[in-house]
Amino acid sequence: MLLGGGRQYLVAFSEYAQDVRLFALAGFERIELTEKVFERPEGFDLQTWMQRSFGIWQEDVYDIVWRFTPEAAADARLYLFYPTQVMTDEPDGSLTV
């Protein structure tokens, strides 16, 4: 499990995708343990894998700049869009990510 500023994520094997995926954990009321286990694939490096993550998706790395309005800034601060993102509070109350 990865804990972010306001968001939690679960790195797990997806039977549907037959690959490791990142799942955003939100809105859960309870969880239950099962007997199923997850074996990390040989050679899997979480840090390297996370560098290609954009939210819960895996893709090539791009330089992106977002500016959120003052009204959306508080909500945007809750998200980890990219592991190395930088957030800057602007004088007008907006947020640049």
PDB file of N, CA and C in Angstrom:
ATOM      1  N   MET A   1       0.854  -1.167   0.000  1.00  0.00           N
ATOM      2  CA  MET A   1       0.000   0.000   0.000  1.00  0.00           C
ATOM      3  C   MET A   1       0.895   1.224   0.000  1.00  0.00           C
ATOM      4  N   LEU A   2       0.543   2.221  -0.784  1.00  0.00           N
ATOM      5  CA  LEU A   2       1.273   3.476  -0.851  1.00  0.00           C
ATOM      6  C   LEU A   2       0.395   4.568  -0.275  1.00  0.00           C
ATOM      7  N   LEU A   3       0.943   5.319   0.633  1.00  0.00           N
ATOM      8  CA  LEU A   3       0.171   6.390   1.252  1.00  0.00           C
ATOM      9  C   LEU A   3       0.617   7.708   0.650  1.00  0.00           C
ATOM     10  N   GLY A   4      -0.332   8.457   0.134  1.00  0.00           N
ATOM     11  CA  GLY A   4      -0.036   9.762  -0.448  1.00  0.00           C
ATOM     12  C   GLY A   4      -0.750  10.839   0.322  1.00  0.00           C
ATOM     13  N   GLY A   5      -0.502  12.059  -0.063  1.00  0.00           N
ATOM     14  CA  GLY A   5      -1.157  13.185   0.578  1.00  0.00           C
ATOM     15  C   GLY A   5      -2.648  13.184   0.260  1.00  0.00           C
ATOM     16  N   GLY A   6      -3.443  12.541   1.080  1.00  0.00           N
ATOM     17  CA  GLY A   6      -4.879  12.519   0.873  1.00  0.00           C
ATOM     18  C   GLY A   6      -5.387  11.306   0.105  1.00  0.00           C
ATOM     19  N   ARG A   7      -4.517  10.593  -0.572  1.00  0.00           N
ATOM     20  CA  ARG A   7      -4.922   9.408  -1.343  1.00  0.00           C
ATOM     21  C   ARG A   7      -4.062   8.220  -0.930  1.00  0.00           C
ATOM     22  N   GLN A   8      -4.677   7.070  -0.935  1.00  0.00           N
ATOM     23  CA  GLN A   8      -3.955   5.834  -0.701  1.00  0.00           C
ATOM     24  C   GLN A   8      -4.091   4.972  -1.941  1.00  0.00           C
ATOM     25  N   TYR A   9      -3.039   4.223  -2.245  1.00  0.00           N
ATOM     26  CA  TYR A   9      -3.031   3.372  -3.417  1.00  0.00           C
ATOM     27  C   TYR A   9      -2.590   1.969  -3.019  1.00  0.00           C
ATOM     28  N   LEU A  10      -3.074   1.006  -3.753  1.00  0.00           N
ATOM     29  CA  LEU A  10      -2.693  -0.376  -3.559  1.00  0.00           C
ATOM     30  C   LEU A  10      -2.018  -0.868  -4.829  1.00  0.00           C
ATOM     31  N   VAL A  11      -0.794  -1.363  -4.686  1.00  0.00           N
ATOM     32  CA  VAL A  11      -0.093  -1.988  -5.800  1.00  0.00           C
ATOM     33  C   VAL A  11      -0.405  -3.470  -5.700  1.00  0.00           C
ATOM     34  N   ALA A  12      -1.013  -4.018  -6.743  1.00  0.00           N
ATOM     35  CA  ALA A  12      -1.435  -5.413  -6.680  1.00  0.00           C
ATOM     36  C   ALA A  12      -1.473  -6.020  -8.078  1.00  0.00           C
ATOM     37  N   PHE A  13      -1.483  -7.325  -8.116  1.00  0.00           N
ATOM     38  CA  PHE A  13      -1.607  -8.044  -9.375  1.00  0.00           C
ATOM     39  C   PHE A  13      -3.063  -8.055  -9.794  1.00  0.00           C
ATOM     40  N   SER A  14      -3.303  -7.677 -11.037  1.00  0.00           N
ATOM     41  CA  SER A  14      -4.649  -7.691 -11.587  1.00  0.00           C
ATOM     42  C   SER A  14      -4.821  -8.960 -12.416  1.00  0.00           C
ATOM     43  N   GLU A  15      -5.740  -9.812 -11.999  1.00  0.00           N
ATOM     44  CA  GLU A  15      -6.010 -11.016 -12.786  1.00  0.00           C
ATOM     45  C   GLU A  15      -6.556 -10.639 -14.158  1.00  0.00           C
ATOM     46  N   TYR A  16      -7.346  -9.575 -14.232  1.00  0.00           N
ATOM     47  CA  TYR A  16      -7.923  -9.126 -15.493  1.00  0.00           C
ATOM     48  C   TYR A  16      -6.821  -8.707 -16.473  1.00  0.00           C
ATOM     49  N   ALA A  17      -5.873  -7.898 -16.000  1.00  0.00           N
ATOM     50  CA  ALA A  17      -4.806  -7.389 -16.863  1.00  0.00           C
ATOM     51  C   ALA A  17      -3.616  -8.331 -16.937  1.00  0.00           C
ATOM     52  N   GLN A  18      -3.563  -9.299 -16.026  1.00  0.00           N
ATOM     53  CA  GLN A  18      -2.427 -10.205 -15.927  1.00  0.00           C
ATOM     54  C   GLN A  18      -1.113  -9.434 -15.780  1.00  0.00           C
ATOM     55  N   ASP A  19      -1.160  -8.391 -14.928  1.00  0.00           N
ATOM     56  CA  ASP A  19       0.000  -7.545 -14.701  1.00  0.00           C
ATOM     57  C   ASP A  19      -0.198  -6.785 -13.396  1.00  0.00           C
ATOM     58  N   VAL A  20       0.862  -6.133 -12.936  1.00  0.00           N
ATOM     59  CA  VAL A  20       0.785  -5.300 -11.740  1.00  0.00           C
ATOM     60  C   VAL A  20       0.076  -4.003 -12.100  1.00  0.00           C
ATOM     61  N   ARG A  21      -0.836  -3.577 -11.233  1.00  0.00           N
ATOM     62  CA  ARG A  21      -1.587  -2.346 -11.445  1.00  0.00           C
ATOM     63  C   ARG A  21      -1.615  -1.550 -10.146  1.00  0.00           C
ATOM     64  N   LEU A  22      -1.886  -0.266 -10.269  1.00  0.00           N
ATOM     65  CA  LEU A  22      -2.033   0.619  -9.125  1.00  0.00           C
ATOM     66  C   LEU A  22      -3.506   0.964  -8.995  1.00  0.00           C
ATOM     67  N   PHE A  23      -4.071   0.690  -7.833  1.00  0.00           N
ATOM     68  CA  PHE A  23      -5.492   0.928  -7.588  1.00  0.00           C
ATOM     69  C   PHE A  23      -5.652   2.049  -6.568  1.00  0.00           C
ATOM     70  N   ALA A  24      -6.441   3.057  -6.906  1.00  0.00           N
ATOM     71  CA  ALA A  24      -6.749   4.132  -5.966  1.00  0.00           C
ATOM     72  C   ALA A  24      -7.758   3.602  -4.955  1.00  0.00           C
ATOM     73  N   LEU A  25      -7.470   3.795  -3.695  1.00  0.00           N
ATOM     74  CA  LEU A  25      -8.370   3.346  -2.640  1.00  0.00           C
ATOM     75  C   LEU A  25      -9.164   4.548  -2.145  1.00  0.00           C
ATOM     76  N   ALA A  26     -10.439   4.532  -2.411  1.00  0.00           N
ATOM     77  CA  ALA A  26     -11.304   5.639  -1.986  1.00  0.00           C
ATOM     78  C   ALA A  26     -12.708   5.108  -1.762  1.00  0.00           C
ATOM     79  N   GLY A  27     -13.340   5.611  -0.745  1.00  0.00           N
ATOM     80  CA  GLY A  27     -14.738   5.286  -0.504  1.00  0.00           C
ATOM     81  C   GLY A  27     -15.000   3.913   0.097  1.00  0.00           C
ATOM     82  N   PHE A  28     -13.980   3.251   0.624  1.00  0.00           N
ATOM     83  CA  PHE A  28     -14.196   1.945   1.222  1.00  0.00           C
ATOM     84  C   PHE A  28     -14.762   2.097   2.622  1.00  0.00           C
ATOM     85  N   GLU A  29     -15.727   1.264   2.940  1.00  0.00           N
ATOM     86  CA  GLU A  29     -16.285   1.262   4.281  1.00  0.00           C
ATOM     87  C   GLU A  29     -15.650   0.183   5.145  1.00  0.00           C
ATOM     88  N   ARG A  30     -15.213  -0.909   4.511  1.00  0.00           N
ATOM     89  CA  ARG A  30     -14.523  -1.969   5.255  1.00  0.00           C
ATOM     90  C   ARG A  30     -13.741  -2.827   4.269  1.00  0.00           C
ATOM     91  N   ILE A  31     -12.791  -3.569   4.796  1.00  0.00           N
ATOM     92  CA  ILE A  31     -12.016  -4.504   3.983  1.00  0.00           C
ATOM     93  C   ILE A  31     -11.980  -5.847   4.696  1.00  0.00           C
ATOM     94  N   GLU A  32     -11.722  -6.899   3.955  1.00  0.00           N
ATOM     95  CA  GLU A  32     -11.609  -8.236   4.524  1.00  0.00           C
ATOM     96  C   GLU A  32     -10.368  -8.907   3.966  1.00  0.00           C
ATOM     97  N   LEU A  33      -9.656  -9.617   4.814  1.00  0.00           N
ATOM     98  CA  LEU A  33      -8.499 -10.383   4.381  1.00  0.00           C
ATOM     99  C   LEU A  33      -8.960 -11.691   3.754  1.00  0.00           C
ATOM    100  N   THR A  34      -8.239 -12.120   2.740  1.00  0.00           N
ATOM    101  CA  THR A  34      -8.517 -13.420   2.130  1.00  0.00           C
ATOM    102  C   THR A  34      -7.259 -14.273   2.217  1.00  0.00           C
ATOM    103  N   GLU A  35      -7.353 -15.474   1.765  1.00  0.00           N
ATOM    104  CA  GLU A  35      -6.205 -16.373   1.761  1.00  0.00           C
ATOM    105  C   GLU A  35      -5.317 -16.165   0.538  1.00  0.00           C
ATOM    106  N   LYS A  36      -5.773 -15.358  -0.432  1.00  0.00           N
ATOM    107  CA  LYS A  36      -4.988 -15.111  -1.634  1.00  0.00           C
ATOM    108  C   LYS A  36      -3.760 -14.270  -1.294  1.00  0.00           C
ATOM    109  N   VAL A  37      -2.659 -14.585  -1.954  1.00  0.00           N
ATOM    110  CA  VAL A  37      -1.425 -13.830  -1.737  1.00  0.00           C
ATOM    111  C   VAL A  37      -0.914 -13.289  -3.068  1.00  0.00           C
ATOM    112  N   PHE A  38      -0.101 -12.279  -2.977  1.00  0.00           N
ATOM    113  CA  PHE A  38       0.496 -11.653  -4.156  1.00  0.00           C
ATOM    114  C   PHE A  38       1.996 -11.833  -4.054  1.00  0.00           C
ATOM    115  N   GLU A  39       2.581 -12.459  -5.035  1.00  0.00           N
ATOM    116  CA  GLU A  39       4.029 -12.619  -5.099  1.00  0.00           C
ATOM    117  C   GLU A  39       4.570 -11.567  -6.056  1.00  0.00           C
ATOM    118  N   ARG A  40       5.487 -10.746  -5.586  1.00  0.00           N
ATOM    119  CA  ARG A  40       6.084  -9.736  -6.441  1.00  0.00           C
ATOM    120  C   ARG A  40       6.816 -10.423  -7.592  1.00  0.00           C
ATOM    121  N   PRO A  41       6.563  -9.974  -8.833  1.00  0.00           N
ATOM    122  CA  PRO A  41       7.261 -10.582  -9.975  1.00  0.00           C
ATOM    123  C   PRO A  41       8.776 -10.413  -9.841  1.00  0.00           C
ATOM    124  N   GLU A  42       9.505 -11.384 -10.279  1.00  0.00           N
ATOM    125  CA  GLU A  42      10.959 -11.335 -10.212  1.00  0.00           C
ATOM    126  C   GLU A  42      11.461 -10.115 -10.986  1.00  0.00           C
ATOM    127  N   GLY A  43      12.345  -9.361 -10.383  1.00  0.00           N
ATOM    128  CA  GLY A  43      12.895  -8.178 -11.029  1.00  0.00           C
ATOM    129  C   GLY A  43      12.031  -6.936 -10.907  1.00  0.00           C
ATOM    130  N   PHE A  44      10.879  -7.039 -10.255  1.00  0.00           N
ATOM    131  CA  PHE A  44       9.986  -5.886 -10.104  1.00  0.00           C
ATOM    132  C   PHE A  44      10.590  -4.896  -9.117  1.00  0.00           C
ATOM    133  N   ASP A  45      10.715  -3.635  -9.523  1.00  0.00           N
ATOM    134  CA  ASP A  45      11.227  -2.573  -8.664  1.00  0.00           C
ATOM    135  C   ASP A  45      10.136  -1.510  -8.524  1.00  0.00           C
ATOM    136  N   LEU A  46       9.624  -1.344  -7.327  1.00  0.00           N
ATOM    137  CA  LEU A  46       8.498  -0.438  -7.099  1.00  0.00           C
ATOM    138  C   LEU A  46       8.854   1.003  -7.464  1.00  0.00           C
ATOM    139  N   GLN A  47      10.043   1.460  -7.087  1.00  0.00           N
ATOM    140  CA  GLN A  47      10.427   2.842  -7.384  1.00  0.00           C
ATOM    141  C   GLN A  47      10.455   3.092  -8.894  1.00  0.00           C
ATOM    142  N   THR A  48      11.041   2.193  -9.644  1.00  0.00           N
ATOM    143  CA  THR A  48      11.100   2.329 -11.105  1.00  0.00           C
ATOM    144  C   THR A  48       9.692   2.285 -11.695  1.00  0.00           C
ATOM    145  N   TRP A  49       8.873   1.389 -11.217  1.00  0.00           N
ATOM    146  CA  TRP A  49       7.501   1.241 -11.707  1.00  0.00           C
ATOM    147  C   TRP A  49       6.699   2.513 -11.436  1.00  0.00           C
ATOM    148  N   MET A  50       6.867   3.090 -10.230  1.00  0.00           N
ATOM    149  CA  MET A  50       6.117   4.280  -9.861  1.00  0.00           C
ATOM    150  C   MET A  50       6.526   5.500 -10.687  1.00  0.00           C
ATOM    151  N   GLN A  51       7.743   5.537 -11.171  1.00  0.00           N
ATOM    152  CA  GLN A  51       8.178   6.669 -11.986  1.00  0.00           C
ATOM    153  C   GLN A  51       7.408   6.750 -13.300  1.00  0.00           C
ATOM    154  N   ARG A  52       6.785   5.661 -13.695  1.00  0.00           N
ATOM    155  CA  ARG A  52       5.974   5.646 -14.919  1.00  0.00           C
ATOM    156  C   ARG A  52       4.486   5.772 -14.620  1.00  0.00           C
ATOM    157  N   SER A  53       4.143   6.024 -13.363  1.00  0.00           N
ATOM    158  CA  SER A  53       2.736   6.107 -12.976  1.00  0.00           C
ATOM    159  C   SER A  53       2.226   7.527 -13.084  1.00  0.00           C
ATOM    160  N   PHE A  54       1.057   7.661 -13.633  1.00  0.00           N
ATOM    161  CA  PHE A  54       0.331   8.927 -13.672  1.00  0.00           C
ATOM    162  C   PHE A  54      -1.010   8.619 -13.041  1.00  0.00           C
ATOM    163  N   GLY A  55      -1.154   9.010 -11.761  1.00  0.00           N
ATOM    164  CA  GLY A  55      -2.343   8.564 -11.031  1.00  0.00           C
ATOM    165  C   GLY A  55      -2.286   7.056 -10.927  1.00  0.00           C
ATOM    166  N   ILE A  56      -3.277   6.372 -11.450  1.00  0.00           N
ATOM    167  CA  ILE A  56      -3.289   4.914 -11.405  1.00  0.00           C
ATOM    168  C   ILE A  56      -2.867   4.295 -12.728  1.00  0.00           C
ATOM    169  N   TRP A  57      -2.447   5.108 -13.697  1.00  0.00           N
ATOM    170  CA  TRP A  57      -2.077   4.595 -15.012  1.00  0.00           C
ATOM    171  C   TRP A  57      -0.577   4.544 -15.195  1.00  0.00           C
ATOM    172  N   GLN A  58      -0.125   3.635 -16.022  1.00  0.00           N
ATOM    173  CA  GLN A  58       1.275   3.510 -16.405  1.00  0.00           C
ATOM    174  C   GLN A  58       1.430   4.005 -17.833  1.00  0.00           C
ATOM    175  N   GLU A  59       2.369   4.897 -18.053  1.00  0.00           N
ATOM    176  CA  GLU A  59       2.601   5.403 -19.394  1.00  0.00           C
ATOM    177  C   GLU A  59       3.980   6.039 -19.462  1.00  0.00           C
ATOM    178  N   ASP A  60       4.376   6.477 -20.654  1.00  0.00           N
ATOM    179  CA  ASP A  60       5.628   7.184 -20.816  1.00  0.00           C
ATOM    180  C   ASP A  60       5.575   8.497 -20.049  1.00  0.00           C
ATOM    181  N   VAL A  61       6.737   8.982 -19.651  1.00  0.00           N
ATOM    182  CA  VAL A  61       6.833  10.213 -18.876  1.00  0.00           C
ATOM    183  C   VAL A  61       6.750  11.430 -19.799  1.00  0.00           C
ATOM    184  N   TYR A  62       5.935  12.417 -19.401  1.00  0.00           N
ATOM    185  CA  TYR A  62       5.786  13.671 -20.123  1.00  0.00           C
ATOM    186  C   TYR A  62       5.931  14.820 -19.137  1.00  0.00           C
ATOM    187  N   ASP A  63       6.456  15.945 -19.598  1.00  0.00           N
ATOM    188  CA  ASP A  63       6.468  17.157 -18.784  1.00  0.00           C
ATOM    189  C   ASP A  63       5.132  17.858 -18.969  1.00  0.00           C
ATOM    190  N   ILE A  64       4.394  17.990 -17.882  1.00  0.00           N
ATOM    191  CA  ILE A  64       3.057  18.581 -17.927  1.00  0.00           C
ATOM    192  C   ILE A  64       2.954  19.609 -16.813  1.00  0.00           C
ATOM    193  N   VAL A  65       2.329  20.738 -17.098  1.00  0.00           N
ATOM    194  CA  VAL A  65       2.064  21.755 -16.081  1.00  0.00           C
ATOM    195  C   VAL A  65       0.564  22.003 -16.069  1.00  0.00           C
ATOM    196  N   TRP A  66      -0.019  21.892 -14.873  1.00  0.00           N
ATOM    197  CA  TRP A  66      -1.434  22.160 -14.705  1.00  0.00           C
ATOM    198  C   TRP A  66      -1.602  23.347 -13.776  1.00  0.00           C
ATOM    199  N   ARG A  67      -2.583  24.164 -14.066  1.00  0.00           N
ATOM    200  CA  ARG A  67      -2.933  25.246 -13.159  1.00  0.00           C
ATOM    201  C   ARG A  67      -4.396  25.088 -12.788  1.00  0.00           C
ATOM    202  N   PHE A  68      -4.635  24.926 -11.495  1.00  0.00           N
ATOM    203  CA  PHE A  68      -5.987  24.746 -10.980  1.00  0.00           C
ATOM    204  C   PHE A  68      -6.489  26.075 -10.425  1.00  0.00           C
ATOM    205  N   THR A  69      -7.739  26.389 -10.711  1.00  0.00           N
ATOM    206  CA  THR A  69      -8.340  27.624 -10.219  1.00  0.00           C
ATOM    207  C   THR A  69      -8.346  27.621  -8.688  1.00  0.00           C
ATOM    208  N   PRO A  70      -8.492  28.814  -8.084  1.00  0.00           N
ATOM    209  CA  PRO A  70      -8.577  28.850  -6.618  1.00  0.00           C
ATOM    210  C   PRO A  70      -9.689  27.946  -6.075  1.00  0.00           C
ATOM    211  N   GLU A  71     -10.796  27.838  -6.815  1.00  0.00           N
ATOM    212  CA  GLU A  71     -11.920  27.001  -6.367  1.00  0.00           C
ATOM    213  C   GLU A  71     -11.571  25.501  -6.404  1.00  0.00           C
ATOM    214  N   ALA A  72     -10.693  25.102  -7.310  1.00  0.00           N
ATOM    215  CA  ALA A  72     -10.334  23.685  -7.456  1.00  0.00           C
ATOM    216  C   ALA A  72      -9.036  23.322  -6.743  1.00  0.00           C
ATOM    217  N   ALA A  73      -8.294  24.318  -6.274  1.00  0.00           N
ATOM    218  CA  ALA A  73      -6.971  24.083  -5.699  1.00  0.00           C
ATOM    219  C   ALA A  73      -6.998  23.131  -4.499  1.00  0.00           C
ATOM    220  N   ALA A  74      -7.934  23.306  -3.598  1.00  0.00           N
ATOM    221  CA  ALA A  74      -7.985  22.438  -2.402  1.00  0.00           C
ATOM    222  C   ALA A  74      -8.180  20.979  -2.794  1.00  0.00           C
ATOM    223  N   ASP A  75      -9.058  20.706  -3.745  1.00  0.00           N
ATOM    224  CA  ASP A  75      -9.272  19.326  -4.193  1.00  0.00           C
ATOM    225  C   ASP A  75      -8.039  18.787  -4.907  1.00  0.00           C
ATOM    226  N   ALA A  76      -7.402  19.600  -5.726  1.00  0.00           N
ATOM    227  CA  ALA A  76      -6.226  19.160  -6.478  1.00  0.00           C
ATOM    228  C   ALA A  76      -5.082  18.788  -5.549  1.00  0.00           C
ATOM    229  N   ARG A  77      -4.963  19.476  -4.408  1.00  0.00           N
ATOM    230  CA  ARG A  77      -3.900  19.158  -3.444  1.00  0.00           C
ATOM    231  C   ARG A  77      -4.029  17.750  -2.875  1.00  0.00           C
ATOM    232  N   LEU A  78      -5.185  17.139  -2.965  1.00  0.00           N
ATOM    233  CA  LEU A  78      -5.405  15.799  -2.416  1.00  0.00           C
ATOM    234  C   LEU A  78      -4.864  14.695  -3.311  1.00  0.00           C
ATOM    235  N   TYR A  79      -4.485  15.023  -4.539  1.00  0.00           N
ATOM    236  CA  TYR A  79      -4.105  14.006  -5.510  1.00  0.00           C
ATOM    237  C   TYR A  79      -2.600  13.934  -5.721  1.00  0.00           C
ATOM    238  N   LEU A  80      -2.130  12.736  -5.844  1.00  0.00           N
ATOM    239  CA  LEU A  80      -0.762  12.500  -6.298  1.00  0.00           C
ATOM    240  C   LEU A  80      -0.893  12.084  -7.753  1.00  0.00           C
ATOM    241  N   PHE A  81      -0.668  13.034  -8.650  1.00  0.00           N
ATOM    242  CA  PHE A  81      -0.771  12.756 -10.074  1.00  0.00           C
ATOM    243  C   PHE A  81       0.467  12.031 -10.577  1.00  0.00           C
ATOM    244  N   TYR A  82       1.612  12.386  -9.995  1.00  0.00           N
ATOM    245  CA  TYR A  82       2.880  11.825 -10.430  1.00  0.00           C
ATOM    246  C   TYR A  82       3.841  11.842  -9.246  1.00  0.00           C
ATOM    247  N   PRO A  83       4.648  10.784  -9.058  1.00  0.00           N
ATOM    248  CA  PRO A  83       5.485  10.676  -7.858  1.00  0.00           C
ATOM    249  C   PRO A  83       6.443  11.843  -7.620  1.00  0.00           C
ATOM    250  N   THR A  84       6.897  12.501  -8.663  1.00  0.00           N
ATOM    251  CA  THR A  84       7.857  13.597  -8.484  1.00  0.00           C
ATOM    252  C   THR A  84       7.218  14.965  -8.732  1.00  0.00           C
ATOM    253  N   GLN A  85       5.901  15.047  -8.647  1.00  0.00           N
ATOM    254  CA  GLN A  85       5.227  16.313  -8.920  1.00  0.00           C
ATOM    255  C   GLN A  85       5.639  17.391  -7.915  1.00  0.00           C
ATOM    256  N   VAL A  86       5.545  18.630  -8.351  1.00  0.00           N
ATOM    257  CA  VAL A  86       5.817  19.789  -7.506  1.00  0.00           C
ATOM    258  C   VAL A  86       4.568  20.649  -7.510  1.00  0.00           C
ATOM    259  N   MET A  87       4.122  21.034  -6.317  1.00  0.00           N
ATOM    260  CA  MET A  87       2.945  21.896  -6.211  1.00  0.00           C
ATOM    261  C   MET A  87       3.380  23.283  -5.754  1.00  0.00           C
ATOM    262  N   THR A  88       2.841  24.313  -6.421  1.00  0.00           N
ATOM    263  CA  THR A  88       3.151  25.695  -6.073  1.00  0.00           C
ATOM    264  C   THR A  88       1.854  26.465  -5.874  1.00  0.00           C
ATOM    265  N   ASP A  89       1.686  27.020  -4.693  1.00  0.00           N
ATOM    266  CA  ASP A  89       0.537  27.885  -4.417  1.00  0.00           C
ATOM    267  C   ASP A  89       0.802  29.244  -5.044  1.00  0.00           C
ATOM    268  N   GLU A  90      -0.116  29.712  -5.860  1.00  0.00           N
ATOM    269  CA  GLU A  90       0.035  30.984  -6.556  1.00  0.00           C
ATOM    270  C   GLU A  90      -0.608  32.096  -5.737  1.00  0.00           C
ATOM    271  N   PRO A  91      -0.147  33.341  -5.924  1.00  0.00           N
ATOM    272  CA  PRO A  91      -0.680  34.472  -5.136  1.00  0.00           C
ATOM    273  C   PRO A  91      -2.197  34.652  -5.246  1.00  0.00           C
ATOM    274  N   ASP A  92      -2.787  34.256  -6.362  1.00  0.00           N
ATOM    275  CA  ASP A  92      -4.238  34.426  -6.538  1.00  0.00           C
ATOM    276  C   ASP A  92      -5.044  33.275  -5.947  1.00  0.00           C
ATOM    277  N   GLY A  93      -4.363  32.327  -5.258  1.00  0.00           N
ATOM    278  CA  GLY A  93      -5.050  31.186  -4.660  1.00  0.00           C
ATOM    279  C   GLY A  93      -5.120  29.966  -5.543  1.00  0.00           C
ATOM    280  N   SER A  94      -4.680  30.105  -6.786  1.00  0.00           N
ATOM    281  CA  SER A  94      -4.662  28.946  -7.673  1.00  0.00           C
ATOM    282  C   SER A  94      -3.476  28.051  -7.325  1.00  0.00           C
ATOM    283  N   LEU A  95      -3.416  26.896  -7.931  1.00  0.00           N
ATOM    284  CA  LEU A  95      -2.361  25.912  -7.662  1.00  0.00           C
ATOM    285  C   LEU A  95      -1.756  25.467  -8.984  1.00  0.00           C
ATOM    286  N   THR A  96      -0.440  25.498  -9.074  1.00  0.00           N
ATOM    287  CA  THR A  96       0.259  24.980 -10.231  1.00  0.00           C
ATOM    288  C   THR A  96       0.902  23.661  -9.839  1.00  0.00           C
ATOM    289  N   VAL A  97       0.661  22.623 -10.641  1.00  0.00           N
ATOM    290  CA  VAL A  97       1.237  21.305 -10.419  1.00  0.00           C
ATOM    291  C   VAL A  97       2.096  20.987 -11.620  1.00  0.00           C
TER     292      VAL A  97
END
